[in-house]
Amino acid sequence: MTESASTHENQWEPVDYVAFQARPDFRELKHRFRSFVFPLAVAFMLWFLLYVVLAAFAHDLMAAPLLGMNVGLWLGLAQFVTTFAITMAYVRFANRRLDPRTTALRSELEALERLEGDAR
């Protein structure tokens, strides 16, 4: 390697991704995401486990007739309904609260990466 090549290589610094992740706006984005997703995931898992436990141990309750079907079928259908409701809620949340911030951070990071590429 020639001296001029090594001097040229020392003129650029790579993007510090760890420092970028430590920025307050990036941390706020992670906090928003986690504060929405984790409680909702825990609630859904508890709801699903309740359904499984009822199916395993409350046969009489699950077999009880209700509006032309048994309670077990209604609760099973409710699992699908809640899955779609959670999906719609997350999409709405992400579109309103996460995507604008994510787009801004991504644009900034891509600009830093372009500068790094130009400096090489």
C-alpha atoms as a PDB file:
ATOM      1  CA  MET A   1       0.000   0.000   0.000  1.00  0.00           C
ATOM      2  CA  THR A   2       1.401   3.386  -0.925  1.00  0.00           C
ATOM      3  CA  GLU A   3       1.657   6.261   1.500  1.00  0.00           C
ATOM      4  CA  SER A   4      -0.915   8.339  -0.396  1.00  0.00           C
ATOM      5  CA  ALA A   5      -3.431   5.470  -0.308  1.00  0.00           C
ATOM      6  CA  SER A   6      -3.065   5.006   3.440  1.00  0.00           C
ATOM      7  CA  THR A   7      -3.418   8.759   3.997  1.00  0.00           C
ATOM      8  CA  HIS A   8      -6.616   8.756   1.917  1.00  0.00           C
ATOM      9  CA  GLU A   9      -8.045   5.876   3.929  1.00  0.00           C
ATOM     10  CA  ASN A  10      -7.463   7.694   7.210  1.00  0.00           C
ATOM     11  CA  GLN A  11      -9.472  10.751   6.087  1.00  0.00           C
ATOM     12  CA  TRP A  12     -12.894   9.153   6.495  1.00  0.00           C
ATOM     13  CA  GLU A  13     -14.557   7.783   9.572  1.00  0.00           C
ATOM     14  CA  PRO A  14     -17.189   5.057   9.414  1.00  0.00           C
ATOM     15  CA  VAL A  15     -20.706   5.739  10.614  1.00  0.00           C
ATOM     16  CA  ASP A  16     -20.909   5.101  14.348  1.00  0.00           C
ATOM     17  CA  TYR A  17     -24.089   3.014  14.483  1.00  0.00           C
ATOM     18  CA  VAL A  18     -23.843   2.503  18.233  1.00  0.00           C
ATOM     19  CA  ALA A  19     -23.729   6.264  18.791  1.00  0.00           C
ATOM     20  CA  PHE A  20     -26.656   6.697  16.384  1.00  0.00           C
ATOM     21  CA  GLN A  21     -28.686   4.171  18.386  1.00  0.00           C
ATOM     22  CA  ALA A  22     -27.839   6.019  21.602  1.00  0.00           C
ATOM     23  CA  ARG A  23     -29.345   9.276  20.321  1.00  0.00           C
ATOM     24  CA  PRO A  24     -32.432  10.511  22.205  1.00  0.00           C
ATOM     25  CA  ASP A  25     -34.680  10.494  19.121  1.00  0.00           C
ATOM     26  CA  PHE A  26     -33.718   6.900  18.281  1.00  0.00           C
ATOM     27  CA  ARG A  27     -34.227   5.818  21.888  1.00  0.00           C
ATOM     28  CA  GLU A  28     -37.624   7.557  21.941  1.00  0.00           C
ATOM     29  CA  LEU A  29     -38.619   5.611  18.820  1.00  0.00           C
ATOM     30  CA  LYS A  30     -37.642   2.315  20.475  1.00  0.00           C
ATOM     31  CA  HIS A  31     -39.519   3.321  23.630  1.00  0.00           C
ATOM     32  CA  ARG A  32     -42.683   4.138  21.659  1.00  0.00           C
ATOM     33  CA  PHE A  33     -42.510   0.830  19.812  1.00  0.00           C
ATOM     34  CA  ARG A  34     -41.909  -1.241  22.925  1.00  0.00           C
ATOM     35  CA  SER A  35     -44.511   0.567  25.025  1.00  0.00           C
ATOM     36  CA  PHE A  36     -47.151  -0.332  22.439  1.00  0.00           C
ATOM     37  CA  VAL A  37     -46.075  -3.802  21.338  1.00  0.00           C
ATOM     38  CA  PHE A  38     -45.047  -5.495  24.582  1.00  0.00           C
ATOM     39  CA  PRO A  39     -48.211  -4.798  26.634  1.00  0.00           C
ATOM     40  CA  LEU A  40     -50.406  -5.757  23.699  1.00  0.00           C
ATOM     41  CA  ALA A  41     -48.434  -8.959  23.115  1.00  0.00           C
ATOM     42  CA  VAL A  42     -48.675  -9.894  26.804  1.00  0.00           C
ATOM     43  CA  ALA A  43     -52.422  -9.199  26.843  1.00  0.00           C
ATOM     44  CA  PHE A  44     -52.979 -11.308  23.743  1.00  0.00           C
ATOM     45  CA  MET A  45     -50.883 -14.186  25.087  1.00  0.00           C
ATOM     46  CA  LEU A  46     -52.870 -14.147  28.334  1.00  0.00           C
ATOM     47  CA  TRP A  47     -56.130 -14.134  26.366  1.00  0.00           C
ATOM     48  CA  PHE A  48     -54.901 -17.040  24.232  1.00  0.00           C
ATOM     49  CA  LEU A  49     -53.728 -19.022  27.272  1.00  0.00           C
ATOM     50  CA  LEU A  50     -57.080 -18.426  28.941  1.00  0.00           C
ATOM     51  CA  TYR A  51     -58.758 -19.933  25.881  1.00  0.00           C
ATOM     52  CA  VAL A  52     -56.451 -22.956  25.966  1.00  0.00           C
ATOM     53  CA  VAL A  53     -56.909 -23.476  29.709  1.00  0.00           C
ATOM     54  CA  LEU A  54     -60.699 -23.211  29.382  1.00  0.00           C
ATOM     55  CA  ALA A  55     -60.644 -25.679  26.492  1.00  0.00           C
ATOM     56  CA  ALA A  56     -58.554 -28.109  28.525  1.00  0.00           C
ATOM     57  CA  PHE A  57     -60.239 -27.839  31.925  1.00  0.00           C
ATOM     58  CA  ALA A  58     -63.689 -26.255  31.557  1.00  0.00           C
ATOM     59  CA  HIS A  59     -65.371 -28.662  29.174  1.00  0.00           C
ATOM     60  CA  ASP A  60     -68.874 -27.934  30.457  1.00  0.00           C
ATOM     61  CA  LEU A  61     -68.440 -24.176  30.025  1.00  0.00           C
ATOM     62  CA  MET A  62     -66.952 -24.505  26.554  1.00  0.00           C
ATOM     63  CA  ALA A  63     -69.731 -26.918  25.495  1.00  0.00           C
ATOM     64  CA  ALA A  64     -72.523 -24.677  26.779  1.00  0.00           C
ATOM     65  CA  PRO A  65     -74.800 -23.460  23.982  1.00  0.00           C
ATOM     66  CA  LEU A  66     -74.755 -19.745  23.185  1.00  0.00           C
ATOM     67  CA  LEU A  67     -76.561 -18.133  20.237  1.00  0.00           C
ATOM     68  CA  GLY A  68     -76.671 -21.296  18.160  1.00  0.00           C
ATOM     69  CA  MET A  69     -73.063 -22.379  18.781  1.00  0.00           C
ATOM     70  CA  ASN A  70     -71.180 -23.396  21.875  1.00  0.00           C
ATOM     71  CA  VAL A  71     -69.080 -21.019  23.983  1.00  0.00           C
ATOM     72  CA  GLY A  72     -65.847 -22.675  22.798  1.00  0.00           C
ATOM     73  CA  LEU A  73     -66.581 -21.856  19.163  1.00  0.00           C
ATOM     74  CA  TRP A  74     -67.476 -18.265  20.019  1.00  0.00           C
ATOM     75  CA  LEU A  75     -64.235 -17.847  21.972  1.00  0.00           C
ATOM     76  CA  GLY A  76     -62.296 -19.435  19.105  1.00  0.00           C
ATOM     77  CA  LEU A  77     -63.823 -16.973  16.661  1.00  0.00           C
ATOM     78  CA  ALA A  78     -63.017 -14.176  19.098  1.00  0.00           C
ATOM     79  CA  GLN A  79     -59.344 -15.189  18.821  1.00  0.00           C
ATOM     80  CA  PHE A  80     -59.462 -14.381  15.112  1.00  0.00           C
ATOM     81  CA  VAL A  81     -61.315 -11.137  15.706  1.00  0.00           C
ATOM     82  CA  THR A  82     -58.784  -9.989  18.299  1.00  0.00           C
ATOM     83  CA  THR A  83     -55.898 -10.939  16.022  1.00  0.00           C
ATOM     84  CA  PHE A  84     -57.277  -8.744  13.246  1.00  0.00           C
ATOM     85  CA  ALA A  85     -58.078  -5.951  15.704  1.00  0.00           C
ATOM     86  CA  ILE A  86     -54.541  -6.006  17.096  1.00  0.00           C
ATOM     87  CA  THR A  87     -53.110  -5.964  13.576  1.00  0.00           C
ATOM     88  CA  MET A  88     -55.257  -2.992  12.584  1.00  0.00           C
ATOM     89  CA  ALA A  89     -54.362  -1.159  15.801  1.00  0.00           C
ATOM     90  CA  TYR A  90     -50.647  -1.729  15.237  1.00  0.00           C
ATOM     91  CA  VAL A  91     -50.796  -0.585  11.611  1.00  0.00           C
ATOM     92  CA  ARG A  92     -52.631   2.563  12.641  1.00  0.00           C
ATOM     93  CA  PHE A  93     -50.164   3.195  15.481  1.00  0.00           C
ATOM     94  CA  ALA A  94     -47.148   2.574  13.249  1.00  0.00           C
ATOM     95  CA  ASN A  95     -48.461   4.805  10.477  1.00  0.00           C
ATOM     96  CA  ARG A  96     -49.139   7.682  12.861  1.00  0.00           C
ATOM     97  CA  ARG A  97     -46.491   7.405  15.555  1.00  0.00           C
ATOM     98  CA  LEU A  98     -43.573   5.340  14.254  1.00  0.00           C
ATOM     99  CA  ASP A  99     -43.255   5.741  10.497  1.00  0.00           C
ATOM    100  CA  PRO A 100     -42.694   9.529  10.386  1.00  0.00           C
ATOM    101  CA  ARG A 101     -39.890   9.276  12.954  1.00  0.00           C
ATOM    102  CA  THR A 102     -38.450   6.165  11.326  1.00  0.00           C
ATOM    103  CA  THR A 103     -38.394   7.858   7.930  1.00  0.00           C
ATOM    104  CA  ALA A 104     -36.583  10.888   9.323  1.00  0.00           C
ATOM    105  CA  LEU A 105     -33.997   8.771  11.131  1.00  0.00           C
ATOM    106  CA  ARG A 106     -33.493   6.549   8.106  1.00  0.00           C
ATOM    107  CA  SER A 107     -32.950   9.538   5.829  1.00  0.00           C
ATOM    108  CA  GLU A 108     -30.399  10.953   8.219  1.00  0.00           C
ATOM    109  CA  LEU A 109     -28.566   7.644   8.520  1.00  0.00           C
ATOM    110  CA  GLU A 110     -28.558   7.150   4.752  1.00  0.00           C
ATOM    111  CA  ALA A 111     -27.101  10.645   4.335  1.00  0.00           C
ATOM    112  CA  LEU A 112     -24.334   9.749   6.780  1.00  0.00           C
ATOM    113  CA  GLU A 113     -23.657   6.533   4.880  1.00  0.00           C
ATOM    114  CA  ARG A 114     -23.489   8.434   1.578  1.00  0.00           C
ATOM    115  CA  LEU A 115     -20.965  10.836   3.117  1.00  0.00           C
ATOM    116  CA  GLU A 116     -18.940   7.864   4.312  1.00  0.00           C
ATOM    117  CA  GLY A 117     -19.046   6.323   0.838  1.00  0.00           C
ATOM    118  CA  ASP A 118     -18.001   9.604  -0.798  1.00  0.00           C
ATOM    119  CA  ALA A 119     -15.092  10.007   1.624  1.00  0.00           C
ATOM    120  CA  ARG A 120     -13.703   6.607   0.685  1.00  0.00           C
END
